Amino acid sequence: MGMSKKRKDKYGISRATIYRWKKQFRESR
């Protein structure tokens, strides 16, 4: 899906990273 251009969120983190954090956070709980 648009990996050639890494777009960063206003927070400075790529959406893929946030998605992974959410997955880990759910497993952690």
N, C-alpha and C. Protein backbone atom coordinates (compact mmCIF):
# COMPACT_ATOMS: atom_id res chain seq x y z
N MET A 1 0.85 -1.18 0.00
CA MET A 1 0.00 0.00 0.00
C MET A 1 0.88 1.22 0.00
N GLY A 2 1.55 1.90 -0.43
CA GLY A 2 2.39 3.10 -0.37
C GLY A 2 3.55 2.94 0.52
N MET A 3 4.34 1.92 0.32
CA MET A 3 5.51 1.75 1.22
C MET A 3 6.69 2.55 0.68
N SER A 4 6.66 2.84 -0.63
CA SER A 4 7.80 3.60 -1.20
C SER A 4 7.93 4.93 -0.46
N LYS A 5 6.80 5.54 -0.14
CA LYS A 5 6.89 6.85 0.58
C LYS A 5 6.43 6.64 2.02
N LYS A 6 7.32 6.69 2.95
CA LYS A 6 6.91 6.45 4.37
C LYS A 6 6.27 7.74 4.92
N ARG A 7 4.97 7.75 5.01
CA ARG A 7 4.31 9.01 5.53
C ARG A 7 4.27 8.93 7.05
N LYS A 8 4.62 9.98 7.70
CA LYS A 8 4.61 9.94 9.20
C LYS A 8 3.36 10.67 9.73
N ASP A 9 2.83 10.20 10.77
CA ASP A 9 1.63 10.84 11.35
C ASP A 9 2.01 12.16 12.01
N LYS A 10 1.05 12.93 12.41
CA LYS A 10 1.41 14.20 13.07
C LYS A 10 2.22 13.92 14.33
N TYR A 11 2.11 12.72 14.86
CA TYR A 11 2.89 12.39 16.07
C TYR A 11 4.32 12.02 15.71
N GLY A 12 4.57 11.76 14.43
CA GLY A 12 5.95 11.40 14.03
C GLY A 12 6.11 9.89 14.03
N ILE A 13 5.01 9.16 14.05
CA ILE A 13 5.15 7.69 14.01
C ILE A 13 4.34 7.14 12.83
N SER A 14 4.89 6.20 12.14
CA SER A 14 4.15 5.66 10.97
C SER A 14 2.89 4.91 11.44
N ARG A 15 1.88 4.86 10.62
CA ARG A 15 0.60 4.21 11.05
C ARG A 15 0.88 2.72 11.29
N ALA A 16 1.75 2.12 10.53
CA ALA A 16 2.05 0.68 10.73
C ALA A 16 2.58 0.46 12.14
N THR A 17 3.41 1.38 12.60
CA THR A 17 3.97 1.22 13.97
C THR A 17 2.85 1.30 15.01
N ILE A 18 1.99 2.27 14.84
CA ILE A 18 0.89 2.42 15.83
C ILE A 18 0.03 1.14 15.83
N TYR A 19 -0.24 0.64 14.62
CA TYR A 19 -1.07 -0.58 14.53
C TYR A 19 -0.41 -1.72 15.31
N ARG A 20 0.93 -1.81 15.19
CA ARG A 20 1.64 -2.91 15.91
C ARG A 20 1.57 -2.64 17.40
N TRP A 21 1.71 -1.42 17.82
CA TRP A 21 1.66 -1.11 19.27
C TRP A 21 0.30 -1.51 19.81
N LYS A 22 -0.76 -1.18 19.08
CA LYS A 22 -2.13 -1.52 19.55
C LYS A 22 -2.24 -3.05 19.70
N LYS A 23 -1.70 -3.77 18.74
CA LYS A 23 -1.78 -5.25 18.82
C LYS A 23 -1.01 -5.74 20.05
N GLN A 24 0.17 -5.20 20.27
CA GLN A 24 0.97 -5.66 21.43
C GLN A 24 0.28 -5.25 22.72
N PHE A 25 -0.26 -4.05 22.74
CA PHE A 25 -0.92 -3.57 23.98
C PHE A 25 -2.09 -4.51 24.34
N ARG A 26 -2.82 -4.96 23.31
CA ARG A 26 -3.99 -5.84 23.58
C ARG A 26 -3.46 -7.18 24.11
N GLU A 27 -2.41 -7.69 23.54
CA GLU A 27 -1.88 -8.99 24.02
C GLU A 27 -1.27 -8.84 25.41
N SER A 28 -0.70 -7.68 25.66
CA SER A 28 -0.05 -7.46 26.98
C SER A 28 -1.13 -7.51 28.07
N ARG A 29 -2.29 -6.96 27.77
CA ARG A 29 -3.34 -6.92 28.84
C ARG A 29 -3.94 -8.29 29.01
